[in-house]
């Protein structure tokens, strides 16, 4: 998903819509092209896995991607950018 000139990773994890930065902090991989596995979003490049609730990497809690608050309005995904 693109909004405000930025690309976001959008995934449904355990029934919840999750929106986070699309760029993996490891090597810049596209998280939105990864897979969802056991409540985590896994980068397709080097398999870094980010907890969908916290945005932090499973193996390193200091390596995180930003999560964004979201809500659904009809067919529109509303993302709080600030």
N, C-alpha and C. Protein backbone atom coordinates (compact mmCIF):
# COMPACT_ATOMS: atom_id res chain seq x y z
N UNK A 1 0.84 -1.16 0.00
CA UNK A 1 0.00 0.00 0.00
C UNK A 1 0.90 1.23 0.00
N UNK A 2 0.51 2.22 -0.76
CA UNK A 2 1.24 3.49 -0.80
C UNK A 2 0.35 4.59 -0.23
N UNK A 3 0.92 5.43 0.64
CA UNK A 3 0.21 6.57 1.20
C UNK A 3 1.25 7.62 1.58
N UNK A 4 0.91 8.87 1.37
CA UNK A 4 1.79 9.99 1.72
C UNK A 4 3.19 9.80 1.15
N UNK A 5 3.29 9.19 -0.04
CA UNK A 5 4.56 9.00 -0.70
C UNK A 5 5.42 7.87 -0.14
N UNK A 6 4.87 7.09 0.78
CA UNK A 6 5.62 5.98 1.38
C UNK A 6 4.92 4.66 1.07
N UNK A 7 5.72 3.59 1.05
CA UNK A 7 5.20 2.25 0.82
C UNK A 7 5.09 1.53 2.15
N UNK A 8 3.97 0.84 2.38
CA UNK A 8 3.71 0.16 3.64
C UNK A 8 3.47 -1.32 3.42
N UNK A 9 3.80 -2.10 4.42
CA UNK A 9 3.47 -3.53 4.45
C UNK A 9 2.11 -3.65 5.12
N UNK A 10 1.17 -4.28 4.44
CA UNK A 10 -0.17 -4.51 4.98
C UNK A 10 -0.40 -6.01 5.01
N UNK A 11 -0.77 -6.53 6.17
CA UNK A 11 -0.99 -7.97 6.30
C UNK A 11 -2.11 -8.24 7.28
N UNK A 12 -2.77 -9.36 7.11
CA UNK A 12 -3.75 -9.82 8.08
C UNK A 12 -3.07 -10.92 8.89
N UNK A 13 -2.94 -10.66 10.20
CA UNK A 13 -2.25 -11.58 11.09
C UNK A 13 -3.22 -11.96 12.21
N UNK A 14 -3.54 -13.24 12.27
CA UNK A 14 -4.48 -13.74 13.28
C UNK A 14 -5.78 -12.94 13.28
N UNK A 15 -6.26 -12.60 12.09
CA UNK A 15 -7.52 -11.88 11.94
C UNK A 15 -7.42 -10.38 12.10
N UNK A 16 -6.27 -9.86 12.45
CA UNK A 16 -6.08 -8.42 12.65
C UNK A 16 -5.32 -7.82 11.47
N UNK A 17 -5.76 -6.65 11.01
CA UNK A 17 -5.06 -5.94 9.96
C UNK A 17 -3.86 -5.22 10.57
N UNK A 18 -2.68 -5.47 10.02
CA UNK A 18 -1.43 -4.89 10.53
C UNK A 18 -0.81 -4.06 9.41
N UNK A 19 -0.41 -2.83 9.74
CA UNK A 19 0.29 -1.97 8.80
C UNK A 19 1.60 -1.54 9.46
N UNK A 20 2.70 -1.77 8.75
CA UNK A 20 4.01 -1.38 9.27
C UNK A 20 4.89 -0.89 8.12
N UNK A 21 6.04 -0.33 8.44
CA UNK A 21 6.97 0.07 7.40
C UNK A 21 7.28 -1.13 6.53
N UNK A 22 7.49 -0.90 5.25
CA UNK A 22 7.72 -1.98 4.31
C UNK A 22 9.18 -2.38 4.19
N UNK A 23 10.09 -1.62 4.79
CA UNK A 23 11.52 -1.86 4.60
C UNK A 23 12.12 -2.56 5.81
N UNK A 24 12.70 -3.72 5.58
CA UNK A 24 13.38 -4.47 6.62
C UNK A 24 14.66 -3.72 7.01
N UNK A 25 14.91 -3.52 8.32
CA UNK A 25 16.11 -2.79 8.73
C UNK A 25 17.41 -3.55 8.48
N UNK A 26 17.33 -4.83 8.19
CA UNK A 26 18.53 -5.63 7.96
C UNK A 26 19.22 -5.24 6.65
N UNK A 27 18.53 -5.42 5.53
CA UNK A 27 19.12 -5.11 4.23
C UNK A 27 18.13 -4.41 3.29
N UNK A 28 17.04 -3.89 3.86
CA UNK A 28 16.09 -3.14 3.04
C UNK A 28 15.11 -3.99 2.26
N UNK A 29 14.95 -5.24 2.66
CA UNK A 29 14.02 -6.13 1.97
C UNK A 29 12.59 -5.65 2.07
N UNK A 30 11.75 -6.03 1.09
CA UNK A 30 10.35 -5.59 1.06
C UNK A 30 9.46 -6.49 1.93
N UNK A 31 9.16 -6.07 3.14
CA UNK A 31 8.38 -6.89 4.06
C UNK A 31 7.02 -7.27 3.48
N UNK A 32 6.43 -6.38 2.69
CA UNK A 32 5.13 -6.65 2.09
C UNK A 32 5.14 -7.81 1.11
N UNK A 33 6.30 -8.26 0.71
CA UNK A 33 6.42 -9.41 -0.19
C UNK A 33 6.77 -10.68 0.58
N UNK A 34 6.86 -10.55 1.91
CA UNK A 34 7.20 -11.69 2.74
C UNK A 34 5.98 -12.53 3.06
N UNK A 35 6.12 -13.40 4.05
CA UNK A 35 5.02 -14.26 4.47
C UNK A 35 4.65 -13.97 5.92
N UNK A 36 3.45 -14.38 6.28
CA UNK A 36 3.00 -14.31 7.67
C UNK A 36 3.13 -15.71 8.25
N UNK A 37 3.83 -15.80 9.37
CA UNK A 37 4.08 -17.10 9.98
C UNK A 37 4.09 -16.95 11.50
N UNK A 38 3.21 -17.64 12.19
CA UNK A 38 3.16 -17.67 13.65
C UNK A 38 3.15 -16.27 14.27
N UNK A 39 2.30 -15.40 13.74
CA UNK A 39 2.16 -14.06 14.29
C UNK A 39 3.27 -13.10 13.92
N UNK A 40 4.10 -13.50 12.95
CA UNK A 40 5.23 -12.66 12.54
C UNK A 40 5.18 -12.43 11.03
N UNK A 41 5.75 -11.32 10.61
CA UNK A 41 5.93 -11.04 9.18
C UNK A 41 7.39 -11.30 8.88
N UNK A 42 7.64 -12.19 7.92
CA UNK A 42 8.98 -12.68 7.62
C UNK A 42 9.48 -12.05 6.32
N UNK A 43 10.62 -11.37 6.40
CA UNK A 43 11.22 -10.73 5.23
C UNK A 43 11.60 -11.80 4.19
N UNK A 44 11.28 -11.55 2.92
CA UNK A 44 11.58 -12.54 1.89
C UNK A 44 13.07 -12.63 1.53
N UNK A 45 13.86 -11.66 1.91
CA UNK A 45 15.27 -11.68 1.52
C UNK A 45 16.14 -12.53 2.44
N UNK A 46 16.06 -12.32 3.75
CA UNK A 46 16.95 -13.03 4.67
C UNK A 46 16.22 -13.60 5.88
N UNK A 47 14.90 -13.69 5.78
CA UNK A 47 14.06 -14.35 6.78
C UNK A 47 14.07 -13.70 8.17
N UNK A 48 14.37 -12.41 8.25
CA UNK A 48 14.19 -11.73 9.53
C UNK A 48 12.69 -11.71 9.79
N UNK A 49 12.26 -12.07 11.00
CA UNK A 49 10.85 -12.17 11.36
C UNK A 49 10.49 -11.08 12.36
N UNK A 50 9.43 -10.34 12.06
CA UNK A 50 9.00 -9.22 12.90
C UNK A 50 7.65 -9.51 13.52
N UNK A 51 7.59 -9.40 14.84
CA UNK A 51 6.35 -9.62 15.57
C UNK A 51 5.30 -8.62 15.08
N UNK A 52 4.14 -9.11 14.71
CA UNK A 52 3.09 -8.25 14.16
C UNK A 52 2.52 -7.30 15.21
N UNK A 53 2.63 -7.64 16.49
CA UNK A 53 2.10 -6.78 17.54
C UNK A 53 3.07 -5.67 17.95
N UNK A 54 4.37 -5.95 17.92
CA UNK A 54 5.36 -4.97 18.39
C UNK A 54 6.18 -4.36 17.26
N UNK A 55 6.30 -5.07 16.14
CA UNK A 55 7.15 -4.61 15.05
C UNK A 55 8.62 -4.96 15.25
N UNK A 56 8.95 -5.65 16.34
CA UNK A 56 10.35 -5.96 16.64
C UNK A 56 10.74 -7.34 16.12
N UNK A 57 12.01 -7.45 15.74
CA UNK A 57 12.54 -8.72 15.23
C UNK A 57 12.57 -9.76 16.33
N UNK A 58 12.27 -10.99 15.98
CA UNK A 58 12.22 -12.08 16.95
C UNK A 58 13.57 -12.31 17.61
N UNK A 59 14.64 -12.19 16.87
CA UNK A 59 15.97 -12.50 17.38
C UNK A 59 16.67 -11.29 18.00
N UNK A 60 16.11 -10.08 17.79
CA UNK A 60 16.75 -8.87 18.30
C UNK A 60 15.69 -7.81 18.58
N UNK A 61 15.26 -7.67 19.83
CA UNK A 61 14.19 -6.72 20.15
C UNK A 61 14.54 -5.26 19.89
N UNK A 62 15.81 -4.96 19.60
CA UNK A 62 16.20 -3.59 19.27
C UNK A 62 16.05 -3.28 17.78
N UNK A 63 15.85 -4.32 16.96
CA UNK A 63 15.65 -4.14 15.52
C UNK A 63 14.15 -4.18 15.26
N UNK A 64 13.57 -3.00 15.10
CA UNK A 64 12.11 -2.90 14.94
C UNK A 64 11.74 -2.09 13.71
N UNK A 65 10.55 -2.36 13.21
CA UNK A 65 9.95 -1.52 12.18
C UNK A 65 8.74 -0.85 12.81
N UNK A 66 8.41 0.31 12.33
CA UNK A 66 7.30 1.06 12.90
C UNK A 66 5.97 0.44 12.50
N UNK A 67 5.08 0.30 13.46
CA UNK A 67 3.70 -0.13 13.24
C UNK A 67 2.81 1.11 13.25
N UNK A 68 1.73 1.04 12.52
CA UNK A 68 0.80 2.17 12.42
C UNK A 68 -0.59 1.75 12.88
N UNK A 69 -1.23 2.62 13.64
CA UNK A 69 -2.62 2.38 14.04
C UNK A 69 -3.49 2.43 12.79
N UNK A 70 -4.45 1.51 12.71
CA UNK A 70 -5.32 1.44 11.54
C UNK A 70 -6.76 1.25 11.96
N UNK A 71 -7.66 1.55 11.05
CA UNK A 71 -9.07 1.21 11.21
C UNK A 71 -9.66 1.06 9.82
N UNK A 72 -10.74 0.33 9.74
CA UNK A 72 -11.42 0.10 8.48
C UNK A 72 -12.63 1.02 8.43
N UNK A 73 -12.79 1.74 7.32
CA UNK A 73 -13.95 2.61 7.09
C UNK A 73 -14.57 2.17 5.77
N UNK A 74 -15.56 1.27 5.84
CA UNK A 74 -16.13 0.71 4.62
C UNK A 74 -15.12 -0.17 3.94
N UNK A 75 -14.73 0.20 2.71
CA UNK A 75 -13.71 -0.55 1.97
C UNK A 75 -12.33 0.11 2.04
N UNK A 76 -12.20 1.11 2.89
CA UNK A 76 -10.97 1.89 2.98
C UNK A 76 -10.19 1.57 4.25
N UNK A 77 -8.90 1.36 4.11
CA UNK A 77 -8.02 1.19 5.26
C UNK A 77 -7.50 2.56 5.65
N UNK A 78 -7.81 3.00 6.85
CA UNK A 78 -7.34 4.28 7.35
C UNK A 78 -6.11 4.04 8.21
N UNK A 79 -5.03 4.77 7.91
CA UNK A 79 -3.75 4.59 8.61
C UNK A 79 -3.36 5.90 9.26
N UNK A 80 -3.07 5.84 10.56
CA UNK A 80 -2.64 7.03 11.29
C UNK A 80 -1.13 7.19 11.09
N UNK A 81 -0.74 8.21 10.34
CA UNK A 81 0.67 8.40 10.02
C UNK A 81 1.43 9.20 11.07
N UNK A 82 0.77 10.00 11.83
CA UNK A 82 1.44 10.82 12.85
C UNK A 82 1.35 10.17 14.20
